[in-house]
């Protein structure tokens, strides 16, 4: 995916241009962007998959 840069004077001008840009992309290109953003977010947070810790205990039951 090639970076795309455009300059606008106001946010009001930029919003429609941004929407049009993403509308022109193919679904495959949109997914590629999504995966790139996801990967960047995980790298920045040093994120590891959050899972429950597995704890095992062996206990003796009292017979009564």
Protein backbone atom coordinates (compact mmCIF):
# COMPACT_ATOMS: atom_id res chain seq x y z
CA UNK A 1 0.00 0.00 0.00
CA UNK A 2 1.45 3.33 -1.03
CA UNK A 3 1.11 6.29 1.34
CA UNK A 4 -1.24 9.02 0.15
CA UNK A 5 -0.80 12.66 1.19
CA UNK A 6 -3.16 15.55 0.55
CA UNK A 7 -3.30 19.04 2.04
CA UNK A 8 -6.48 20.85 3.00
CA UNK A 9 -7.13 24.21 4.57
CA UNK A 10 -9.85 23.02 6.92
CA UNK A 11 -11.14 19.80 8.43
CA UNK A 12 -14.43 20.46 6.66
CA UNK A 13 -12.66 20.14 3.28
CA UNK A 14 -10.70 17.07 4.36
CA UNK A 15 -13.64 14.96 5.58
CA UNK A 16 -15.35 14.39 2.20
CA UNK A 17 -12.00 13.82 0.48
CA UNK A 18 -11.07 11.18 3.04
CA UNK A 19 -14.41 9.40 2.65
CA UNK A 20 -14.10 9.45 -1.15
CA UNK A 21 -10.58 8.04 -0.96
CA UNK A 22 -11.68 5.05 1.14
CA UNK A 23 -14.77 4.48 -1.05
CA UNK A 24 -12.53 4.11 -4.11
CA UNK A 25 -10.41 1.42 -2.46
CA UNK A 26 -11.19 -2.21 -3.14
CA UNK A 27 -12.32 -4.39 -0.23
CA UNK A 28 -8.93 -6.13 -0.35
CA UNK A 29 -7.09 -2.81 -0.01
CA UNK A 30 -9.29 -1.82 2.93
CA UNK A 31 -8.49 -5.10 4.68
CA UNK A 32 -4.78 -4.58 4.10
CA UNK A 33 -5.03 -1.17 5.78
CA UNK A 34 -6.95 -2.69 8.68
CA UNK A 35 -4.31 -5.38 9.21
CA UNK A 36 -1.50 -2.82 9.02
CA UNK A 37 -3.17 -0.62 11.63
CA UNK A 38 -3.82 -3.62 13.85
CA UNK A 39 -0.19 -4.71 13.61
CA UNK A 40 1.04 -1.19 14.41
CA UNK A 41 -1.20 -1.01 17.47
CA UNK A 42 0.10 -4.32 18.78
CA UNK A 43 3.72 -3.29 18.27
CA UNK A 44 3.25 0.05 20.02
CA UNK A 45 1.61 -1.49 23.06
CA UNK A 46 3.97 -4.45 23.22
CA UNK A 47 0.70 -6.26 23.44
CA UNK A 48 0.63 -9.91 24.15
CA UNK A 49 -2.55 -11.88 23.85
CA UNK A 50 -4.37 -11.55 27.15
CA UNK A 51 -5.45 -14.90 28.45
CA UNK A 52 -6.38 -16.34 31.76
CA UNK A 53 -3.50 -17.72 33.77
CA UNK A 54 -3.60 -21.48 34.07
CA UNK A 55 -3.16 -22.54 37.66
CA UNK A 56 -3.14 -26.15 38.80
CA UNK A 57 -3.36 -27.23 42.43
CA UNK A 58 -3.13 -30.69 43.86
CA UNK A 59 -4.94 -30.95 47.16
CA UNK A 60 -5.55 -33.76 49.59
CA UNK A 61 -9.21 -34.35 50.40
CA UNK A 62 -10.13 -35.29 53.90
CA UNK A 63 -12.09 -38.52 54.27
CA UNK A 64 -14.74 -38.26 56.78
